[in-house]
């Protein structure tokens, strides 16, 4: 089998449906780029449509509103992260290593990091279209981080006095804070190195 080719039983859709799915993917990719460059509020559907080479009405055929497109962009970004980093192994130390790898990768995508930082701040308002997304995302991430620290604690690899729930919240706060500092001055902080240093202060041995 050619590498990258789907098995016969799992080949993607064909015909008009496949073309529609490809169009949706192109719109989402363009929207991610536009929102990353201009922010969600300033990034227009017309700009997204222009980059795809279609009319705004054509874009609205696939995504009925700007908020619906934003939801698809956020979901797509999460899918890409899950494809690149293994956060579901159940091994706490491996989860922490994946977090460090993610911090390193984020340094290569400043536009996307800026989009997420801006959106997460805007989305504190319950009326913001991304409010529910970020509420659920933070809840899920806290649970995943807590599970990772609890796994380490169960194996005697968490330093005495470290509470898994508190460590989970502090780790997320550290990641968010480092990203803001890095966006303001990219030479001021090495995000991956700082995350590693902090996590190694919580566990025994190297990560």
C-alpha atoms as a PDB file:
ATOM      1  CA  UNK A   1       0.000   0.000   0.000  1.00  0.00           C
ATOM      2  CA  UNK A   2       1.273   3.469  -0.870  1.00  0.00           C
ATOM      3  CA  UNK A   3       2.086   5.464   2.274  1.00  0.00           C
ATOM      4  CA  UNK A   4      -0.618   8.035   2.905  1.00  0.00           C
ATOM      5  CA  UNK A   5      -3.244   6.196   0.880  1.00  0.00           C
ATOM      6  CA  UNK A   6      -6.359   5.144   2.786  1.00  0.00           C
ATOM      7  CA  UNK A   7      -7.213   1.419   2.894  1.00  0.00           C
ATOM      8  CA  UNK A   8      -9.862   0.475   0.318  1.00  0.00           C
ATOM      9  CA  UNK A   9     -12.573   0.153   2.980  1.00  0.00           C
ATOM     10  CA  UNK A  10     -11.766   3.576   4.395  1.00  0.00           C
ATOM     11  CA  UNK A  11     -11.386   5.681   1.274  1.00  0.00           C
ATOM     12  CA  UNK A  12     -12.849   9.154   1.519  1.00  0.00           C
ATOM     13  CA  UNK A  13     -16.065  10.306  -0.163  1.00  0.00           C
ATOM     14  CA  UNK A  14     -16.213  10.636  -3.924  1.00  0.00           C
ATOM     15  CA  UNK A  15     -18.119  12.770  -6.408  1.00  0.00           C
ATOM     16  CA  UNK A  16     -20.008  15.943  -5.464  1.00  0.00           C
ATOM     17  CA  UNK A  17     -19.845  15.165  -1.742  1.00  0.00           C
ATOM     18  CA  UNK A  18     -16.060  14.853  -1.854  1.00  0.00           C
ATOM     19  CA  UNK A  19     -15.843  18.164  -3.708  1.00  0.00           C
ATOM     20  CA  UNK A  20     -18.106  19.798  -1.103  1.00  0.00           C
ATOM     21  CA  UNK A  21     -15.939  18.462   1.727  1.00  0.00           C
ATOM     22  CA  UNK A  22     -12.813  19.764   0.014  1.00  0.00           C
ATOM     23  CA  UNK A  23     -14.455  23.172  -0.377  1.00  0.00           C
ATOM     24  CA  UNK A  24     -15.353  23.214   3.331  1.00  0.00           C
ATOM     25  CA  UNK A  25     -11.772  22.325   4.218  1.00  0.00           C
ATOM     26  CA  UNK A  26     -10.437  25.127   2.005  1.00  0.00           C
ATOM     27  CA  UNK A  27     -12.814  27.608   3.658  1.00  0.00           C
ATOM     28  CA  UNK A  28     -11.756  26.505   7.150  1.00  0.00           C
ATOM     29  CA  UNK A  29      -8.048  26.719   6.277  1.00  0.00           C
ATOM     30  CA  UNK A  30      -8.542  30.215   4.841  1.00  0.00           C
ATOM     31  CA  UNK A  31     -10.640  31.320   7.830  1.00  0.00           C
ATOM     32  CA  UNK A  32      -7.955  30.121  10.231  1.00  0.00           C
ATOM     33  CA  UNK A  33      -5.428  32.197   8.329  1.00  0.00           C
ATOM     34  CA  UNK A  34      -7.654  35.300   8.173  1.00  0.00           C
ATOM     35  CA  UNK A  35      -8.698  35.133  11.825  1.00  0.00           C
ATOM     36  CA  UNK A  36      -5.092  34.560  12.862  1.00  0.00           C
ATOM     37  CA  UNK A  37      -3.983  37.641  10.926  1.00  0.00           C
ATOM     38  CA  UNK A  38      -6.858  40.008  11.729  1.00  0.00           C
ATOM     39  CA  UNK A  39      -8.649  38.542  14.734  1.00  0.00           C
ATOM     40  CA  UNK A  40     -12.152  37.147  14.752  1.00  0.00           C
ATOM     41  CA  UNK A  41     -13.981  40.473  14.962  1.00  0.00           C
ATOM     42  CA  UNK A  42     -11.956  42.170  12.217  1.00  0.00           C
ATOM     43  CA  UNK A  43     -11.553  39.170   9.937  1.00  0.00           C
ATOM     44  CA  UNK A  44     -14.410  39.307   7.439  1.00  0.00           C
ATOM     45  CA  UNK A  45     -16.273  36.538   5.642  1.00  0.00           C
ATOM     46  CA  UNK A  46     -15.669  38.424   2.413  1.00  0.00           C
ATOM     47  CA  UNK A  47     -11.909  38.177   2.926  1.00  0.00           C
ATOM     48  CA  UNK A  48     -12.187  34.457   3.615  1.00  0.00           C
ATOM     49  CA  UNK A  49     -14.355  33.969   0.523  1.00  0.00           C
ATOM     50  CA  UNK A  50     -11.939  35.949  -1.646  1.00  0.00           C
ATOM     51  CA  UNK A  51      -9.043  33.738  -0.598  1.00  0.00           C
ATOM     52  CA  UNK A  52     -10.986  30.627  -1.515  1.00  0.00           C
ATOM     53  CA  UNK A  53     -12.042  32.169  -4.828  1.00  0.00           C
ATOM     54  CA  UNK A  54     -15.770  32.185  -4.198  1.00  0.00           C
ATOM     55  CA  UNK A  55     -18.550  34.623  -3.353  1.00  0.00           C
ATOM     56  CA  UNK A  56     -19.610  35.402   0.189  1.00  0.00           C
ATOM     57  CA  UNK A  57     -23.013  33.887  -0.633  1.00  0.00           C
ATOM     58  CA  UNK A  58     -21.246  30.715  -1.736  1.00  0.00           C
ATOM     59  CA  UNK A  59     -19.351  30.574   1.541  1.00  0.00           C
ATOM     60  CA  UNK A  60     -22.590  30.992   3.507  1.00  0.00           C
ATOM     61  CA  UNK A  61     -23.948  27.935   1.686  1.00  0.00           C
ATOM     62  CA  UNK A  62     -21.366  25.870   3.599  1.00  0.00           C
ATOM     63  CA  UNK A  63     -21.333  27.886   6.845  1.00  0.00           C
ATOM     64  CA  UNK A  64     -24.555  29.798   7.599  1.00  0.00           C
ATOM     65  CA  UNK A  65     -22.879  32.355   9.882  1.00  0.00           C
ATOM     66  CA  UNK A  66     -19.524  33.716  10.962  1.00  0.00           C
ATOM     67  CA  UNK A  67     -19.923  32.067  14.372  1.00  0.00           C
ATOM     68  CA  UNK A  68     -20.553  28.697  12.699  1.00  0.00           C
ATOM     69  CA  UNK A  69     -17.356  29.133  10.708  1.00  0.00           C
ATOM     70  CA  UNK A  70     -15.456  30.062  13.869  1.00  0.00           C
ATOM     71  CA  UNK A  71     -16.683  26.890  15.581  1.00  0.00           C
ATOM     72  CA  UNK A  72     -15.438  24.831  12.624  1.00  0.00           C
ATOM     73  CA  UNK A  73     -12.053  26.589  12.719  1.00  0.00           C
ATOM     74  CA  UNK A  74     -11.607  25.901  16.430  1.00  0.00           C
ATOM     75  CA  UNK A  75     -12.607  22.259  16.000  1.00  0.00           C
ATOM     76  CA  UNK A  76     -10.219  21.920  13.064  1.00  0.00           C
ATOM     77  CA  UNK A  77      -7.364  23.378  15.097  1.00  0.00           C
ATOM     78  CA  UNK A  78      -8.028  20.889  17.892  1.00  0.00           C
ATOM     79  CA  UNK A  79      -8.092  18.027  15.383  1.00  0.00           C
ATOM     80  CA  UNK A  80      -4.688  19.084  14.044  1.00  0.00           C
ATOM     81  CA  UNK A  81      -3.271  19.197  17.567  1.00  0.00           C
ATOM     82  CA  UNK A  82      -4.603  15.738  18.377  1.00  0.00           C
ATOM     83  CA  UNK A  83      -3.097  14.358  15.177  1.00  0.00           C
ATOM     84  CA  UNK A  84       0.342  15.746  16.031  1.00  0.00           C
ATOM     85  CA  UNK A  85       0.504  15.151  19.773  1.00  0.00           C
ATOM     86  CA  UNK A  86      -0.509  12.092  21.772  1.00  0.00           C
ATOM     87  CA  UNK A  87      -2.382  13.304  24.837  1.00  0.00           C
ATOM     88  CA  UNK A  88      -4.443  10.153  25.245  1.00  0.00           C
ATOM     89  CA  UNK A  89      -1.853   7.524  26.173  1.00  0.00           C
ATOM     90  CA  UNK A  90      -2.831   7.458  29.855  1.00  0.00           C
ATOM     91  CA  UNK A  91       0.821   7.797  30.872  1.00  0.00           C
ATOM     92  CA  UNK A  92       1.249  10.937  32.990  1.00  0.00           C
ATOM     93  CA  UNK A  93       4.897  11.508  32.145  1.00  0.00           C
ATOM     94  CA  UNK A  94       4.199  11.060  28.443  1.00  0.00           C
ATOM     95  CA  UNK A  95       1.347  13.584  28.715  1.00  0.00           C
ATOM     96  CA  UNK A  96       3.723  16.153  30.201  1.00  0.00           C
ATOM     97  CA  UNK A  97       6.251  15.520  27.434  1.00  0.00           C
ATOM     98  CA  UNK A  98       3.506  16.075  24.851  1.00  0.00           C
ATOM     99  CA  UNK A  99       2.658  19.382  26.554  1.00  0.00           C
ATOM    100  CA  UNK A 100       6.277  20.519  26.194  1.00  0.00           C
ATOM    101  CA  UNK A 101       6.241  19.476  22.524  1.00  0.00           C
ATOM    102  CA  UNK A 102       3.039  21.463  22.025  1.00  0.00           C
ATOM    103  CA  UNK A 103       4.617  24.582  23.580  1.00  0.00           C
ATOM    104  CA  UNK A 104       7.551  24.187  21.197  1.00  0.00           C
ATOM    105  CA  UNK A 105       5.241  23.769  18.204  1.00  0.00           C
ATOM    106  CA  UNK A 106       3.154  26.805  19.191  1.00  0.00           C
ATOM    107  CA  UNK A 107       6.270  28.950  18.841  1.00  0.00           C
ATOM    108  CA  UNK A 108       6.179  28.154  15.110  1.00  0.00           C
ATOM    109  CA  UNK A 109       2.569  29.366  14.683  1.00  0.00           C
ATOM    110  CA  UNK A 110       2.409  32.878  16.178  1.00  0.00           C
ATOM    111  CA  UNK A 111      -0.710  33.873  14.262  1.00  0.00           C
ATOM    112  CA  UNK A 112      -2.696  30.949  15.597  1.00  0.00           C
ATOM    113  CA  UNK A 113      -1.413  31.496  19.145  1.00  0.00           C
ATOM    114  CA  UNK A 114      -2.443  35.148  18.935  1.00  0.00           C
ATOM    115  CA  UNK A 115      -5.888  34.163  17.663  1.00  0.00           C
ATOM    116  CA  UNK A 116      -6.445  31.780  20.556  1.00  0.00           C
ATOM    117  CA  UNK A 117      -5.167  34.237  23.163  1.00  0.00           C
ATOM    118  CA  UNK A 118      -7.417  36.983  21.809  1.00  0.00           C
ATOM    119  CA  UNK A 119     -10.437  34.728  21.463  1.00  0.00           C
ATOM    120  CA  UNK A 120     -10.084  33.216  24.929  1.00  0.00           C
ATOM    121  CA  UNK A 121     -10.058  36.714  26.429  1.00  0.00           C
ATOM    122  CA  UNK A 122     -13.027  37.871  24.338  1.00  0.00           C
ATOM    123  CA  UNK A 123     -14.914  34.655  25.086  1.00  0.00           C
ATOM    124  CA  UNK A 124     -15.108  35.392  28.816  1.00  0.00           C
ATOM    125  CA  UNK A 125     -18.339  37.137  27.835  1.00  0.00           C
ATOM    126  CA  UNK A 126     -21.204  34.602  27.837  1.00  0.00           C
ATOM    127  CA  UNK A 127     -22.562  36.264  24.687  1.00  0.00           C
ATOM    128  CA  UNK A 128     -19.420  35.552  22.644  1.00  0.00           C
ATOM    129  CA  UNK A 129     -19.906  32.767  20.063  1.00  0.00           C
ATOM    130  CA  UNK A 130     -16.801  30.951  21.344  1.00  0.00           C
ATOM    131  CA  UNK A 131     -17.723  31.154  25.049  1.00  0.00           C
ATOM    132  CA  UNK A 132     -19.068  27.607  25.300  1.00  0.00           C
ATOM    133  CA  UNK A 133     -16.159  26.229  23.308  1.00  0.00           C
ATOM    134  CA  UNK A 134     -13.538  27.715  25.634  1.00  0.00           C
ATOM    135  CA  UNK A 135     -15.510  26.799  28.776  1.00  0.00           C
ATOM    136  CA  UNK A 136     -15.609  23.169  27.663  1.00  0.00           C
ATOM    137  CA  UNK A 137     -12.003  23.261  26.440  1.00  0.00           C
ATOM    138  CA  UNK A 138     -10.645  24.513  29.761  1.00  0.00           C
ATOM    139  CA  UNK A 139     -12.748  22.000  31.682  1.00  0.00           C
ATOM    140  CA  UNK A 140     -11.492  19.147  29.497  1.00  0.00           C
ATOM    141  CA  UNK A 141      -7.864  20.288  29.701  1.00  0.00           C
ATOM    142  CA  UNK A 142      -7.990  20.619  33.478  1.00  0.00           C
ATOM    143  CA  UNK A 143      -9.327  17.085  33.763  1.00  0.00           C
ATOM    144  CA  UNK A 144      -6.660  15.714  31.412  1.00  0.00           C
ATOM    145  CA  UNK A 145      -3.866  17.486  33.290  1.00  0.00           C
ATOM    146  CA  UNK A 146      -5.210  16.366  36.663  1.00  0.00           C
ATOM    147  CA  UNK A 147      -5.398  12.767  35.430  1.00  0.00           C
ATOM    148  CA  UNK A 148      -1.769  12.977  34.269  1.00  0.00           C
ATOM    149  CA  UNK A 149      -0.591  14.269  37.661  1.00  0.00           C
ATOM    150  CA  UNK A 150      -2.705  11.680  39.495  1.00  0.00           C
ATOM    151  CA  UNK A 151      -1.086   8.938  37.422  1.00  0.00           C
ATOM    152  CA  UNK A 152       2.349  10.218  38.410  1.00  0.00           C
ATOM    153  CA  UNK A 153       1.270  10.453  42.046  1.00  0.00           C
ATOM    154  CA  UNK A 154       0.012   6.857  42.025  1.00  0.00           C
ATOM    155  CA  UNK A 155       3.462   5.728  40.878  1.00  0.00           C
ATOM    156  CA  UNK A 156       5.289   7.805  43.456  1.00  0.00           C
ATOM    157  CA  UNK A 157       6.691  10.144  40.796  1.00  0.00           C
ATOM    158  CA  UNK A 158       5.001  13.339  41.980  1.00  0.00           C
ATOM    159  CA  UNK A 159       6.954  15.345  44.538  1.00  0.00           C
ATOM    160  CA  UNK A 160       5.579  15.392  48.109  1.00  0.00           C
ATOM    161  CA  UNK A 161       3.051  18.135  48.756  1.00  0.00           C
ATOM    162  CA  UNK A 162       2.051  18.571  45.088  1.00  0.00           C
ATOM    163  CA  UNK A 163      -1.726  18.441  44.669  1.00  0.00           C
ATOM    164  CA  UNK A 164      -2.752  17.090  41.224  1.00  0.00           C
ATOM    165  CA  UNK A 165      -5.763  19.411  40.871  1.00  0.00           C
ATOM    166  CA  UNK A 166      -3.776  22.521  41.796  1.00  0.00           C
ATOM    167  CA  UNK A 167      -0.864  21.469  39.592  1.00  0.00           C
ATOM    168  CA  UNK A 168      -3.253  21.053  36.662  1.00  0.00           C
ATOM    169  CA  UNK A 169      -4.668  24.571  37.042  1.00  0.00           C
ATOM    170  CA  UNK A 170      -1.238  26.121  37.545  1.00  0.00           C
ATOM    171  CA  UNK A 171       0.176  24.374  34.483  1.00  0.00           C
ATOM    172  CA  UNK A 172      -2.606  25.717  32.264  1.00  0.00           C
ATOM    173  CA  UNK A 173      -2.169  29.202  33.726  1.00  0.00           C
ATOM    174  CA  UNK A 174       1.572  28.988  33.044  1.00  0.00           C
ATOM    175  CA  UNK A 175       1.008  27.994  29.415  1.00  0.00           C
ATOM    176  CA  UNK A 176      -1.441  30.859  28.858  1.00  0.00           C
ATOM    177  CA  UNK A 177       0.759  33.422  30.587  1.00  0.00           C
ATOM    178  CA  UNK A 178       3.886  32.390  28.709  1.00  0.00           C
ATOM    179  CA  UNK A 179       2.066  32.697  25.405  1.00  0.00           C
ATOM    180  CA  UNK A 180       1.068  36.281  26.139  1.00  0.00           C
ATOM    181  CA  UNK A 181       4.609  37.234  27.174  1.00  0.00           C
ATOM    182  CA  UNK A 182       5.987  35.535  24.070  1.00  0.00           C
ATOM    183  CA  UNK A 183       3.535  37.308  21.764  1.00  0.00           C
ATOM    184  CA  UNK A 184       4.553  40.679  23.188  1.00  0.00           C
ATOM    185  CA  UNK A 185       8.272  39.948  22.887  1.00  0.00           C
ATOM    186  CA  UNK A 186       9.305  36.757  21.089  1.00  0.00           C
ATOM    187  CA  UNK A 187      12.859  37.035  22.456  1.00  0.00           C
ATOM    188  CA  UNK A 188      11.773  37.331  26.074  1.00  0.00           C
ATOM    189  CA  UNK A 189      10.857  33.721  26.740  1.00  0.00           C
ATOM    190  CA  UNK A 190      11.425  30.178  25.519  1.00  0.00           C
ATOM    191  CA  UNK A 191       7.986  28.695  26.138  1.00  0.00           C
ATOM    192  CA  UNK A 192       8.967  25.032  25.874  1.00  0.00           C
ATOM    193  CA  UNK A 193      11.986  25.477  28.156  1.00  0.00           C
ATOM    194  CA  UNK A 194       9.953  27.301  30.797  1.00  0.00           C
ATOM    195  CA  UNK A 195       7.209  24.678  30.721  1.00  0.00           C
ATOM    196  CA  UNK A 196       9.795  21.911  31.099  1.00  0.00           C
ATOM    197  CA  UNK A 197      11.475  23.674  34.035  1.00  0.00           C
ATOM    198  CA  UNK A 198       8.172  24.116  35.833  1.00  0.00           C
ATOM    199  CA  UNK A 199       6.969  20.554  35.258  1.00  0.00           C
ATOM    200  CA  UNK A 200      10.290  19.116  36.406  1.00  0.00           C
ATOM    201  CA  UNK A 201       9.845  21.019  39.692  1.00  0.00           C
ATOM    202  CA  UNK A 202       6.687  18.957  40.266  1.00  0.00           C
ATOM    203  CA  UNK A 203       7.904  15.468  39.412  1.00  0.00           C
ATOM    204  CA  UNK A 204      10.827  13.253  40.301  1.00  0.00           C
ATOM    205  CA  UNK A 205      13.459  12.711  37.625  1.00  0.00           C
ATOM    206  CA  UNK A 206      13.675  14.290  34.185  1.00  0.00           C
ATOM    207  CA  UNK A 207      10.715  14.545  31.838  1.00  0.00           C
END
